[in-house]
């Protein structure tokens, strides 16, 4: 089963990511901007996404990704940690980083050969 510790390991390997809190739960930020946080249930990860990515993952993997009424209309998606594969988790955390990181940081990362 995937845990927040695994999420942190993936995220903290990315430039500019720091541990934080959000709504009283563990969170991850890129230079102060929230990219992911644990939901209060301790089993669900909230991730920043693009509208296109939100629509895509909800359609393709409804057993892993979902929305609550609170998150509808916002660029976030919820991920069931127990249902996510390691590939889905890494891809989702990476996508959240790209949505949260400043353009200058992304450009620096992409410029590295």
PDB file of N, CA and C in Angstrom:
ATOM      1  N   UNK A   1       0.838  -1.190   0.000  1.00  0.00           N
ATOM      2  CA  UNK A   1       0.000   0.000   0.000  1.00  0.00           C
ATOM      3  C   UNK A   1       0.879   1.249   0.000  1.00  0.00           C
ATOM      4  N   UNK A   2       0.441   2.229  -0.707  1.00  0.00           N
ATOM      5  CA  UNK A   2       1.151   3.493  -0.774  1.00  0.00           C
ATOM      6  C   UNK A   2       0.855   4.315   0.477  1.00  0.00           C
ATOM      7  N   UNK A   3       1.864   4.999   0.973  1.00  0.00           N
ATOM      8  CA  UNK A   3       1.719   5.847   2.153  1.00  0.00           C
ATOM      9  C   UNK A   3       2.188   7.262   1.818  1.00  0.00           C
ATOM     10  N   UNK A   4       1.903   8.184   2.727  1.00  0.00           N
ATOM     11  CA  UNK A   4       2.373   9.549   2.524  1.00  0.00           C
ATOM     12  C   UNK A   4       3.896   9.605   2.562  1.00  0.00           C
ATOM     13  N   UNK A   5       4.522   8.682   3.265  1.00  0.00           N
ATOM     14  CA  UNK A   5       5.991   8.630   3.283  1.00  0.00           C
ATOM     15  C   UNK A   5       6.532   8.386   1.872  1.00  0.00           C
ATOM     16  N   UNK A   6       5.882   7.526   1.106  1.00  0.00           N
ATOM     17  CA  UNK A   6       6.302   7.284  -0.280  1.00  0.00           C
ATOM     18  C   UNK A   6       6.067   8.521  -1.135  1.00  0.00           C
ATOM     19  N   UNK A   7       4.951   9.188  -0.894  1.00  0.00           N
ATOM     20  CA  UNK A   7       4.655  10.434  -1.617  1.00  0.00           C
ATOM     21  C   UNK A   7       5.747  11.458  -1.330  1.00  0.00           C
ATOM     22  N   UNK A   8       6.103  11.612  -0.065  1.00  0.00           N
ATOM     23  CA  UNK A   8       7.154  12.563   0.326  1.00  0.00           C
ATOM     24  C   UNK A   8       8.476  12.223  -0.337  1.00  0.00           C
ATOM     25  N   UNK A   9       8.824  10.949  -0.372  1.00  0.00           N
ATOM     26  CA  UNK A   9      10.095  10.539  -0.976  1.00  0.00           C
ATOM     27  C   UNK A   9      10.156  10.958  -2.446  1.00  0.00           C
ATOM     28  N   UNK A  10       9.068  10.763  -3.164  1.00  0.00           N
ATOM     29  CA  UNK A  10       9.010  11.171  -4.576  1.00  0.00           C
ATOM     30  C   UNK A  10       9.110  12.691  -4.677  1.00  0.00           C
ATOM     31  N   UNK A  11       8.283  13.383  -3.914  1.00  0.00           N
ATOM     32  CA  UNK A  11       8.201  14.844  -4.023  1.00  0.00           C
ATOM     33  C   UNK A  11       9.473  15.552  -3.566  1.00  0.00           C
ATOM     34  N   UNK A  12      10.053  15.103  -2.464  1.00  0.00           N
ATOM     35  CA  UNK A  12      11.232  15.797  -1.934  1.00  0.00           C
ATOM     36  C   UNK A  12      12.469  15.614  -2.807  1.00  0.00           C
ATOM     37  N   UNK A  13      12.412  14.695  -3.760  1.00  0.00           N
ATOM     38  CA  UNK A  13      13.510  14.535  -4.717  1.00  0.00           C
ATOM     39  C   UNK A  13      13.431  15.580  -5.826  1.00  0.00           C
ATOM     40  N   UNK A  14      12.325  16.318  -5.880  1.00  0.00           N
ATOM     41  CA  UNK A  14      12.141  17.344  -6.906  1.00  0.00           C
ATOM     42  C   UNK A  14      12.613  18.695  -6.375  1.00  0.00           C
ATOM     43  N   UNK A  15      13.138  19.526  -7.259  1.00  0.00           N
ATOM     44  CA  UNK A  15      13.661  20.826  -6.834  1.00  0.00           C
ATOM     45  C   UNK A  15      12.607  21.720  -6.185  1.00  0.00           C
ATOM     46  N   UNK A  16      12.999  22.353  -5.094  1.00  0.00           N
ATOM     47  CA  UNK A  16      12.165  23.363  -4.457  1.00  0.00           C
ATOM     48  C   UNK A  16      11.041  22.844  -3.585  1.00  0.00           C
ATOM     49  N   UNK A  17      10.891  21.531  -3.435  1.00  0.00           N
ATOM     50  CA  UNK A  17       9.792  20.983  -2.644  1.00  0.00           C
ATOM     51  C   UNK A  17      10.167  20.982  -1.166  1.00  0.00           C
ATOM     52  N   UNK A  18       9.191  21.346  -0.359  1.00  0.00           N
ATOM     53  CA  UNK A  18       9.381  21.367   1.086  1.00  0.00           C
ATOM     54  C   UNK A  18       8.136  20.811   1.766  1.00  0.00           C
ATOM     55  N   UNK A  19       8.345  20.201   2.921  1.00  0.00           N
ATOM     56  CA  UNK A  19       7.221  19.725   3.715  1.00  0.00           C
ATOM     57  C   UNK A  19       6.516  20.905   4.352  1.00  0.00           C
ATOM     58  N   UNK A  20       5.206  20.788   4.477  1.00  0.00           N
ATOM     59  CA  UNK A  20       4.413  21.857   5.056  1.00  0.00           C
ATOM     60  C   UNK A  20       3.134  21.247   5.617  1.00  0.00           C
ATOM     61  N   UNK A  21       2.167  22.087   5.888  1.00  0.00           N
ATOM     62  CA  UNK A  21       0.836  21.628   6.275  1.00  0.00           C
ATOM     63  C   UNK A  21      -0.197  22.419   5.504  1.00  0.00           C
ATOM     64  N   UNK A  22      -1.391  21.837   5.412  1.00  0.00           N
ATOM     65  CA  UNK A  22      -2.509  22.510   4.771  1.00  0.00           C
ATOM     66  C   UNK A  22      -3.784  21.966   5.394  1.00  0.00           C
ATOM     67  N   UNK A  23      -4.632  22.839   5.878  1.00  0.00           N
ATOM     68  CA  UNK A  23      -5.857  22.426   6.566  1.00  0.00           C
ATOM     69  C   UNK A  23      -5.551  21.461   7.709  1.00  0.00           C
ATOM     70  N   UNK A  24      -4.406  21.649   8.364  1.00  0.00           N
ATOM     71  CA  UNK A  24      -4.033  20.829   9.494  1.00  0.00           C
ATOM     72  C   UNK A  24      -3.533  19.437   9.139  1.00  0.00           C
ATOM     73  N   UNK A  25      -3.276  19.194   7.862  1.00  0.00           N
ATOM     74  CA  UNK A  25      -2.777  17.893   7.426  1.00  0.00           C
ATOM     75  C   UNK A  25      -1.406  18.072   6.773  1.00  0.00           C
ATOM     76  N   UNK A  26      -0.613  16.989   6.677  1.00  0.00           N
ATOM     77  CA  UNK A  26       0.686  17.094   6.017  1.00  0.00           C
ATOM     78  C   UNK A  26       0.529  17.530   4.561  1.00  0.00           C
ATOM     79  N   UNK A  27       1.412  18.418   4.135  1.00  0.00           N
ATOM     80  CA  UNK A  27       1.364  18.909   2.764  1.00  0.00           C
ATOM     81  C   UNK A  27       2.754  19.053   2.181  1.00  0.00           C
ATOM     82  N   UNK A  28       2.781  19.295   0.886  1.00  0.00           N
ATOM     83  CA  UNK A  28       4.026  19.515   0.155  1.00  0.00           C
ATOM     84  C   UNK A  28       3.859  20.757  -0.705  1.00  0.00           C
ATOM     85  N   UNK A  29       4.836  21.628  -0.631  1.00  0.00           N
ATOM     86  CA  UNK A  29       4.791  22.876  -1.393  1.00  0.00           C
ATOM     87  C   UNK A  29       6.049  23.019  -2.231  1.00  0.00           C
ATOM     88  N   UNK A  30       5.907  23.742  -3.329  1.00  0.00           N
ATOM     89  CA  UNK A  30       7.048  24.111  -4.170  1.00  0.00           C
ATOM     90  C   UNK A  30       7.195  25.618  -4.032  1.00  0.00           C
ATOM     91  N   UNK A  31       8.289  26.014  -3.411  1.00  0.00           N
ATOM     92  CA  UNK A  31       8.537  27.441  -3.176  1.00  0.00           C
ATOM     93  C   UNK A  31       7.301  28.151  -2.617  1.00  0.00           C
ATOM     94  N   UNK A  32       6.667  27.502  -1.647  1.00  0.00           N
ATOM     95  CA  UNK A  32       5.534  28.104  -0.955  1.00  0.00           C
ATOM     96  C   UNK A  32       4.175  27.853  -1.568  1.00  0.00           C
ATOM     97  N   UNK A  33       4.099  27.240  -2.738  1.00  0.00           N
ATOM     98  CA  UNK A  33       2.814  26.981  -3.402  1.00  0.00           C
ATOM     99  C   UNK A  33       2.433  25.510  -3.213  1.00  0.00           C
ATOM    100  N   UNK A  34       1.236  25.281  -2.692  1.00  0.00           N
ATOM    101  CA  UNK A  34       0.785  23.929  -2.410  1.00  0.00           C
ATOM    102  C   UNK A  34       0.686  23.092  -3.677  1.00  0.00           C
ATOM    103  N   UNK A  35       1.293  21.896  -3.625  1.00  0.00           N
ATOM    104  CA  UNK A  35       1.196  20.963  -4.758  1.00  0.00           C
ATOM    105  C   UNK A  35       0.431  19.706  -4.371  1.00  0.00           C
ATOM    106  N   UNK A  36       0.471  19.331  -3.095  1.00  0.00           N
ATOM    107  CA  UNK A  36      -0.221  18.127  -2.636  1.00  0.00           C
ATOM    108  C   UNK A  36      -0.395  18.188  -1.128  1.00  0.00           C
ATOM    109  N   UNK A  37      -1.442  17.516  -0.671  1.00  0.00           N
ATOM    110  CA  UNK A  37      -1.654  17.401   0.769  1.00  0.00           C
ATOM    111  C   UNK A  37      -2.469  16.152   1.046  1.00  0.00           C
ATOM    112  N   UNK A  38      -2.337  15.654   2.263  1.00  0.00           N
ATOM    113  CA  UNK A  38      -3.168  14.544   2.696  1.00  0.00           C
ATOM    114  C   UNK A  38      -4.542  15.075   3.059  1.00  0.00           C
ATOM    115  N   UNK A  39      -5.539  14.319   2.732  1.00  0.00           N
ATOM    116  CA  UNK A  39      -6.890  14.655   3.156  1.00  0.00           C
ATOM    117  C   UNK A  39      -7.041  14.199   4.608  1.00  0.00           C
ATOM    118  N   UNK A  40      -8.029  14.711   5.277  1.00  0.00           N
ATOM    119  CA  UNK A  40      -8.217  14.427   6.696  1.00  0.00           C
ATOM    120  C   UNK A  40      -8.440  12.941   6.987  1.00  0.00           C
ATOM    121  N   UNK A  41      -8.891  12.170   6.003  1.00  0.00           N
ATOM    122  CA  UNK A  41      -9.146  10.746   6.226  1.00  0.00           C
ATOM    123  C   UNK A  41      -7.859   9.917   6.331  1.00  0.00           C
ATOM    124  N   UNK A  42      -6.721  10.515   5.988  1.00  0.00           N
ATOM    125  CA  UNK A  42      -5.442   9.816   6.064  1.00  0.00           C
ATOM    126  C   UNK A  42      -5.225   8.770   4.986  1.00  0.00           C
ATOM    127  N   UNK A  43      -6.144   8.671   4.038  1.00  0.00           N
ATOM    128  CA  UNK A  43      -6.074   7.666   2.979  1.00  0.00           C
ATOM    129  C   UNK A  43      -6.097   8.264   1.580  1.00  0.00           C
ATOM    130  N   UNK A  44      -6.276   9.572   1.508  1.00  0.00           N
ATOM    131  CA  UNK A  44      -6.478  10.238   0.226  1.00  0.00           C
ATOM    132  C   UNK A  44      -5.494  11.387   0.072  1.00  0.00           C
ATOM    133  N   UNK A  45      -4.911  11.479  -1.111  1.00  0.00           N
ATOM    134  CA  UNK A  45      -3.980  12.553  -1.436  1.00  0.00           C
ATOM    135  C   UNK A  45      -4.683  13.541  -2.360  1.00  0.00           C
ATOM    136  N   UNK A  46      -4.569  14.823  -2.065  1.00  0.00           N
ATOM    137  CA  UNK A  46      -5.120  15.889  -2.900  1.00  0.00           C
ATOM    138  C   UNK A  46      -3.962  16.451  -3.714  1.00  0.00           C
ATOM    139  N   UNK A  47      -4.109  16.482  -5.044  1.00  0.00           N
ATOM    140  CA  UNK A  47      -3.019  16.898  -5.938  1.00  0.00           C
ATOM    141  C   UNK A  47      -3.466  17.996  -6.891  1.00  0.00           C
ATOM    142  N   UNK A  48      -2.585  18.962  -7.114  1.00  0.00           N
ATOM    143  CA  UNK A  48      -2.844  20.011  -8.101  1.00  0.00           C
ATOM    144  C   UNK A  48      -2.707  19.408  -9.498  1.00  0.00           C
ATOM    145  N   UNK A  49      -3.645  19.765 -10.385  1.00  0.00           N
ATOM    146  CA  UNK A  49      -3.636  19.255 -11.763  1.00  0.00           C
ATOM    147  C   UNK A  49      -4.075  20.340 -12.737  1.00  0.00           C
ATOM    148  N   UNK A  50      -3.895  20.068 -14.012  1.00  0.00           N
ATOM    149  CA  UNK A  50      -4.508  20.904 -15.040  1.00  0.00           C
ATOM    150  C   UNK A  50      -5.939  20.407 -15.229  1.00  0.00           C
ATOM    151  N   UNK A  51      -6.777  21.228 -15.846  1.00  0.00           N
ATOM    152  CA  UNK A  51      -8.152  20.808 -16.121  1.00  0.00           C
ATOM    153  C   UNK A  51      -8.158  19.578 -17.025  1.00  0.00           C
ATOM    154  N   UNK A  52      -7.273  19.554 -17.999  1.00  0.00           N
ATOM    155  CA  UNK A  52      -7.212  18.433 -18.936  1.00  0.00           C
ATOM    156  C   UNK A  52      -6.806  17.144 -18.225  1.00  0.00           C
ATOM    157  N   UNK A  53      -5.816  17.244 -17.350  1.00  0.00           N
ATOM    158  CA  UNK A  53      -5.359  16.075 -16.615  1.00  0.00           C
ATOM    159  C   UNK A  53      -6.441  15.586 -15.653  1.00  0.00           C
ATOM    160  N   UNK A  54      -7.124  16.504 -15.018  1.00  0.00           N
ATOM    161  CA  UNK A  54      -8.210  16.131 -14.115  1.00  0.00           C
ATOM    162  C   UNK A  54      -9.262  15.306 -14.864  1.00  0.00           C
ATOM    163  N   UNK A  55      -9.698  15.816 -15.992  1.00  0.00           N
ATOM    164  CA  UNK A  55     -10.701  15.122 -16.794  1.00  0.00           C
ATOM    165  C   UNK A  55     -10.201  13.754 -17.263  1.00  0.00           C
ATOM    166  N   UNK A  56      -8.948  13.703 -17.697  1.00  0.00           N
ATOM    167  CA  UNK A  56      -8.378  12.469 -18.224  1.00  0.00           C
ATOM    168  C   UNK A  56      -8.304  11.372 -17.161  1.00  0.00           C
ATOM    169  N   UNK A  57      -7.729  11.691 -15.998  1.00  0.00           N
ATOM    170  CA  UNK A  57      -7.566  10.651 -14.977  1.00  0.00           C
ATOM    171  C   UNK A  57      -8.897  10.220 -14.371  1.00  0.00           C
ATOM    172  N   UNK A  58      -9.832  11.148 -14.233  1.00  0.00           N
ATOM    173  CA  UNK A  58     -11.150  10.782 -13.712  1.00  0.00           C
ATOM    174  C   UNK A  58     -11.857   9.817 -14.657  1.00  0.00           C
ATOM    175  N   UNK A  59     -11.681  10.030 -15.949  1.00  0.00           N
ATOM    176  CA  UNK A  59     -12.327   9.176 -16.940  1.00  0.00           C
ATOM    177  C   UNK A  59     -11.623   7.818 -17.048  1.00  0.00           C
ATOM    178  N   UNK A  60     -10.290   7.824 -17.071  1.00  0.00           N
ATOM    179  CA  UNK A  60      -9.545   6.582 -17.295  1.00  0.00           C
ATOM    180  C   UNK A  60      -9.384   5.712 -16.052  1.00  0.00           C
ATOM    181  N   UNK A  61      -9.311   6.324 -14.879  1.00  0.00           N
ATOM    182  CA  UNK A  61      -9.009   5.561 -13.658  1.00  0.00           C
ATOM    183  C   UNK A  61      -9.899   5.982 -12.485  1.00  0.00           C
ATOM    184  N   UNK A  62     -11.216   5.810 -12.611  1.00  0.00           N
ATOM    185  CA  UNK A  62     -12.115   6.248 -11.524  1.00  0.00           C
ATOM    186  C   UNK A  62     -11.932   5.476 -10.225  1.00  0.00           C
ATOM    187  N   UNK A  63     -11.268   4.328 -10.294  1.00  0.00           N
ATOM    188  CA  UNK A  63     -10.997   3.565  -9.071  1.00  0.00           C
ATOM    189  C   UNK A  63      -9.866   4.188  -8.260  1.00  0.00           C
ATOM    190  N   UNK A  64      -9.067   5.044  -8.903  1.00  0.00           N
ATOM    191  CA  UNK A  64      -7.926   5.686  -8.243  1.00  0.00           C
ATOM    192  C   UNK A  64      -8.197   7.163  -7.973  1.00  0.00           C
ATOM    193  N   UNK A  65      -8.742   7.867  -8.952  1.00  0.00           N
ATOM    194  CA  UNK A  65      -8.940   9.317  -8.871  1.00  0.00           C
ATOM    195  C   UNK A  65     -10.421   9.653  -8.725  1.00  0.00           C
ATOM    196  N   UNK A  66     -10.707  10.693  -7.952  1.00  0.00           N
ATOM    197  CA  UNK A  66     -12.086  11.136  -7.787  1.00  0.00           C
ATOM    198  C   UNK A  66     -12.107  12.590  -7.337  1.00  0.00           C
ATOM    199  N   UNK A  67     -13.296  13.159  -7.260  1.00  0.00           N
ATOM    200  CA  UNK A  67     -13.506  14.514  -6.756  1.00  0.00           C
ATOM    201  C   UNK A  67     -14.567  14.484  -5.678  1.00  0.00           C
ATOM    202  N   UNK A  68     -14.496  15.428  -4.773  1.00  0.00           N
ATOM    203  CA  UNK A  68     -15.596  15.675  -3.843  1.00  0.00           C
ATOM    204  C   UNK A  68     -16.276  16.951  -4.318  1.00  0.00           C
ATOM    205  N   UNK A  69     -17.425  17.218  -3.791  1.00  0.00           N
ATOM    206  CA  UNK A  69     -18.142  18.436  -4.175  1.00  0.00           C
ATOM    207  C   UNK A  69     -17.276  19.667  -3.879  1.00  0.00           C
ATOM    208  N   UNK A  70     -16.541  19.618  -2.779  1.00  0.00           N
ATOM    209  CA  UNK A  70     -15.661  20.732  -2.396  1.00  0.00           C
ATOM    210  C   UNK A  70     -14.593  21.014  -3.461  1.00  0.00           C
ATOM    211  N   UNK A  71     -14.086  19.978  -4.113  1.00  0.00           N
ATOM    212  CA  UNK A  71     -13.002  20.145  -5.083  1.00  0.00           C
ATOM    213  C   UNK A  71     -13.488  20.354  -6.515  1.00  0.00           C
ATOM    214  N   UNK A  72     -14.772  20.122  -6.758  1.00  0.00           N
ATOM    215  CA  UNK A  72     -15.325  20.330  -8.099  1.00  0.00           C
ATOM    216  C   UNK A  72     -15.167  21.802  -8.490  1.00  0.00           C
ATOM    217  N   UNK A  73     -14.748  22.052  -9.709  1.00  0.00           N
ATOM    218  CA  UNK A  73     -14.567  23.427 -10.162  1.00  0.00           C
ATOM    219  C   UNK A  73     -13.224  24.025  -9.785  1.00  0.00           C
ATOM    220  N   UNK A  74     -12.324  23.189  -9.250  1.00  0.00           N
ATOM    221  CA  UNK A  74     -10.983  23.640  -8.880  1.00  0.00           C
ATOM    222  C   UNK A  74      -9.953  22.711  -9.506  1.00  0.00           C
ATOM    223  N   UNK A  75      -8.743  23.198  -9.748  1.00  0.00           N
ATOM    224  CA  UNK A  75      -7.724  22.368 -10.419  1.00  0.00           C
ATOM    225  C   UNK A  75      -7.019  21.398  -9.466  1.00  0.00           C
ATOM    226  N   UNK A  76      -7.797  20.505  -8.870  1.00  0.00           N
ATOM    227  CA  UNK A  76      -7.291  19.501  -7.944  1.00  0.00           C
ATOM    228  C   UNK A  76      -7.942  18.170  -8.281  1.00  0.00           C
ATOM    229  N   UNK A  77      -7.286  17.098  -7.898  1.00  0.00           N
ATOM    230  CA  UNK A  77      -7.862  15.764  -8.019  1.00  0.00           C
ATOM    231  C   UNK A  77      -7.489  14.999  -6.759  1.00  0.00           C
ATOM    232  N   UNK A  78      -8.336  14.082  -6.360  1.00  0.00           N
ATOM    233  CA  UNK A  78      -8.069  13.257  -5.191  1.00  0.00           C
ATOM    234  C   UNK A  78      -7.634  11.877  -5.645  1.00  0.00           C
ATOM    235  N   UNK A  79      -6.647  11.329  -4.960  1.00  0.00           N
ATOM    236  CA  UNK A  79      -6.064  10.040  -5.305  1.00  0.00           C
ATOM    237  C   UNK A  79      -6.189   9.106  -4.110  1.00  0.00           C
ATOM    238  N   UNK A  80      -6.787   7.942  -4.340  1.00  0.00           N
ATOM    239  CA  UNK A  80      -6.888   6.913  -3.296  1.00  0.00           C
ATOM    240  C   UNK A  80      -5.527   6.224  -3.185  1.00  0.00           C
ATOM    241  N   UNK A  81      -4.821   6.454  -2.094  1.00  0.00           N
ATOM    242  CA  UNK A  81      -3.480   5.892  -1.949  1.00  0.00           C
ATOM    243  C   UNK A  81      -3.484   4.373  -2.043  1.00  0.00           C
ATOM    244  N   UNK A  82      -4.484   3.716  -1.487  1.00  0.00           N
ATOM    245  CA  UNK A  82      -4.534   2.253  -1.493  1.00  0.00           C
ATOM    246  C   UNK A  82      -4.745   1.690  -2.900  1.00  0.00           C
ATOM    247  N   UNK A  83      -5.301   2.476  -3.805  1.00  0.00           N
ATOM    248  CA  UNK A  83      -5.609   1.985  -5.152  1.00  0.00           C
ATOM    249  C   UNK A  83      -4.559   2.360  -6.197  1.00  0.00           C
ATOM    250  N   UNK A  84      -3.689   3.303  -5.880  1.00  0.00           N
ATOM    251  CA  UNK A  84      -2.729   3.817  -6.864  1.00  0.00           C
ATOM    252  C   UNK A  84      -1.543   2.878  -7.053  1.00  0.00           C
ATOM    253  N   UNK A  85      -1.142   2.716  -8.301  1.00  0.00           N
ATOM    254  CA  UNK A  85       0.080   1.964  -8.595  1.00  0.00           C
ATOM    255  C   UNK A  85       1.274   2.893  -8.367  1.00  0.00           C
ATOM    256  N   UNK A  86       2.464   2.346  -8.213  1.00  0.00           N
ATOM    257  CA  UNK A  86       3.644   3.201  -8.079  1.00  0.00           C
ATOM    258  C   UNK A  86       3.803   4.154  -9.275  1.00  0.00           C
ATOM    259  N   UNK A  87       3.478   3.686 -10.472  1.00  0.00           N
ATOM    260  CA  UNK A  87       3.584   4.527 -11.665  1.00  0.00           C
ATOM    261  C   UNK A  87       2.582   5.672 -11.618  1.00  0.00           C
ATOM    262  N   UNK A  88       1.346   5.386 -11.233  1.00  0.00           N
ATOM    263  CA  UNK A  88       0.332   6.438 -11.126  1.00  0.00           C
ATOM    264  C   UNK A  88       0.722   7.466 -10.076  1.00  0.00           C
ATOM    265  N   UNK A  89       1.246   6.987  -8.967  1.00  0.00           N
ATOM    266  CA  UNK A  89       1.645   7.895  -7.898  1.00  0.00           C
ATOM    267  C   UNK A  89       2.768   8.818  -8.357  1.00  0.00           C
ATOM    268  N   UNK A  90       3.813   8.248  -8.929  1.00  0.00           N
ATOM    269  CA  UNK A  90       4.942   9.066  -9.387  1.00  0.00           C
ATOM    270  C   UNK A  90       4.498  10.063 -10.458  1.00  0.00           C
ATOM    271  N   UNK A  91       3.711   9.611 -11.413  1.00  0.00           N
ATOM    272  CA  UNK A  91       3.221  10.481 -12.478  1.00  0.00           C
ATOM    273  C   UNK A  91       2.368  11.619 -11.908  1.00  0.00           C
ATOM    274  N   UNK A  92       1.497  11.309 -10.963  1.00  0.00           N
ATOM    275  CA  UNK A  92       0.616  12.325 -10.380  1.00  0.00           C
ATOM    276  C   UNK A  92       1.384  13.347  -9.557  1.00  0.00           C
ATOM    277  N   UNK A  93       2.347  12.887  -8.775  1.00  0.00           N
ATOM    278  CA  UNK A  93       3.147  13.812  -7.973  1.00  0.00           C
ATOM    279  C   UNK A  93       4.009  14.691  -8.883  1.00  0.00           C
ATOM    280  N   UNK A  94       4.576  14.094  -9.919  1.00  0.00           N
ATOM    281  CA  UNK A  94       5.373  14.871 -10.879  1.00  0.00           C
ATOM    282  C   UNK A  94       4.512  15.917 -11.570  1.00  0.00           C
ATOM    283  N   UNK A  95       3.323  15.532 -11.996  1.00  0.00           N
ATOM    284  CA  UNK A  95       2.407  16.475 -12.644  1.00  0.00           C
ATOM    285  C   UNK A  95       2.063  17.622 -11.685  1.00  0.00           C
ATOM    286  N   UNK A  96       1.809  17.292 -10.419  1.00  0.00           N
ATOM    287  CA  UNK A  96       1.495  18.325  -9.424  1.00  0.00           C
ATOM    288  C   UNK A  96       2.668  19.291  -9.260  1.00  0.00           C
ATOM    289  N   UNK A  97       3.895  18.751  -9.306  1.00  0.00           N
ATOM    290  CA  UNK A  97       5.069  19.620  -9.208  1.00  0.00           C
ATOM    291  C   UNK A  97       5.095  20.609 -10.369  1.00  0.00           C
ATOM    292  N   UNK A  98       4.882  20.103 -11.580  1.00  0.00           N
ATOM    293  CA  UNK A  98       4.899  20.985 -12.752  1.00  0.00           C
ATOM    294  C   UNK A  98       3.811  22.051 -12.689  1.00  0.00           C
ATOM    295  N   UNK A  99       2.692  21.746 -12.064  1.00  0.00           N
ATOM    296  CA  UNK A  99       1.610  22.727 -11.955  1.00  0.00           C
ATOM    297  C   UNK A  99       1.866  23.760 -10.865  1.00  0.00           C
ATOM    298  N   UNK A 100       2.754  23.440  -9.945  1.00  0.00           N
ATOM    299  CA  UNK A 100       2.992  24.315  -8.801  1.00  0.00           C
ATOM    300  C   UNK A 100       4.304  25.076  -8.861  1.00  0.00           C
ATOM    301  N   UNK A 101       5.293  24.524  -9.535  1.00  0.00           N
ATOM    302  CA  UNK A 101       6.621  25.141  -9.579  1.00  0.00           C
ATOM    303  C   UNK A 101       6.611  26.418 -10.422  1.00  0.00           C
ATOM    304  N   UNK A 102       7.420  27.398 -10.021  1.00  0.00           N
ATOM    305  CA  UNK A 102       7.544  28.607 -10.846  1.00  0.00           C
ATOM    306  C   UNK A 102       8.178  28.268 -12.196  1.00  0.00           C
ATOM    307  N   UNK A 103       7.811  29.018 -13.208  1.00  0.00           N
ATOM    308  CA  UNK A 103       8.327  28.764 -14.563  1.00  0.00           C
ATOM    309  C   UNK A 103       9.853  28.801 -14.608  1.00  0.00           C
ATOM    310  N   UNK A 104      10.463  29.662 -13.820  1.00  0.00           N
ATOM    311  CA  UNK A 104      11.928  29.758 -13.823  1.00  0.00           C
ATOM    312  C   UNK A 104      12.557  28.464 -13.312  1.00  0.00           C
ATOM    313  N   UNK A 105      11.949  27.844 -12.313  1.00  0.00           N
ATOM    314  CA  UNK A 105      12.463  26.582 -11.789  1.00  0.00           C
ATOM    315  C   UNK A 105      12.263  25.453 -12.804  1.00  0.00           C
ATOM    316  N   UNK A 106      11.102  25.425 -13.433  1.00  0.00           N
ATOM    317  CA  UNK A 106      10.842  24.409 -14.463  1.00  0.00           C
ATOM    318  C   UNK A 106      11.837  24.548 -15.602  1.00  0.00           C
ATOM    319  N   UNK A 107      12.075  25.769 -16.034  1.00  0.00           N
ATOM    320  CA  UNK A 107      13.027  26.005 -17.134  1.00  0.00           C
ATOM    321  C   UNK A 107      14.418  25.521 -16.753  1.00  0.00           C
ATOM    322  N   UNK A 108      14.821  25.759 -15.511  1.00  0.00           N
ATOM    323  CA  UNK A 108      16.132  25.311 -15.056  1.00  0.00           C
ATOM    324  C   UNK A 108      16.234  23.788 -15.053  1.00  0.00           C
ATOM    325  N   UNK A 109      15.183  23.122 -14.609  1.00  0.00           N
ATOM    326  CA  UNK A 109      15.164  21.661 -14.569  1.00  0.00           C
ATOM    327  C   UNK A 109      15.192  21.082 -15.968  1.00  0.00           C
ATOM    328  N   UNK A 110      14.404  21.659 -16.863  1.00  0.00           N
ATOM    329  CA  UNK A 110      14.339  21.158 -18.233  1.00  0.00           C
ATOM    330  C   UNK A 110      15.597  21.461 -19.032  1.00  0.00           C
ATOM    331  N   UNK A 111      16.398  22.425 -18.588  1.00  0.00           N
ATOM    332  CA  UNK A 111      17.630  22.769 -19.298  1.00  0.00           C
ATOM    333  C   UNK A 111      18.768  21.817 -18.967  1.00  0.00           C
ATOM    334  N   UNK A 112      18.619  21.042 -17.891  1.00  0.00           N
ATOM    335  CA  UNK A 112      19.660  20.093 -17.501  1.00  0.00           C
ATOM    336  C   UNK A 112      19.644  18.908 -18.464  1.00  0.00           C
ATOM    337  N   UNK A 113      20.813  18.620 -19.088  1.00  0.00           N
ATOM    338  CA  UNK A 113      20.838  17.533 -20.078  1.00  0.00           C
ATOM    339  C   UNK A 113      20.643  16.166 -19.470  1.00  0.00           C
TER     340      UNK A 113
END
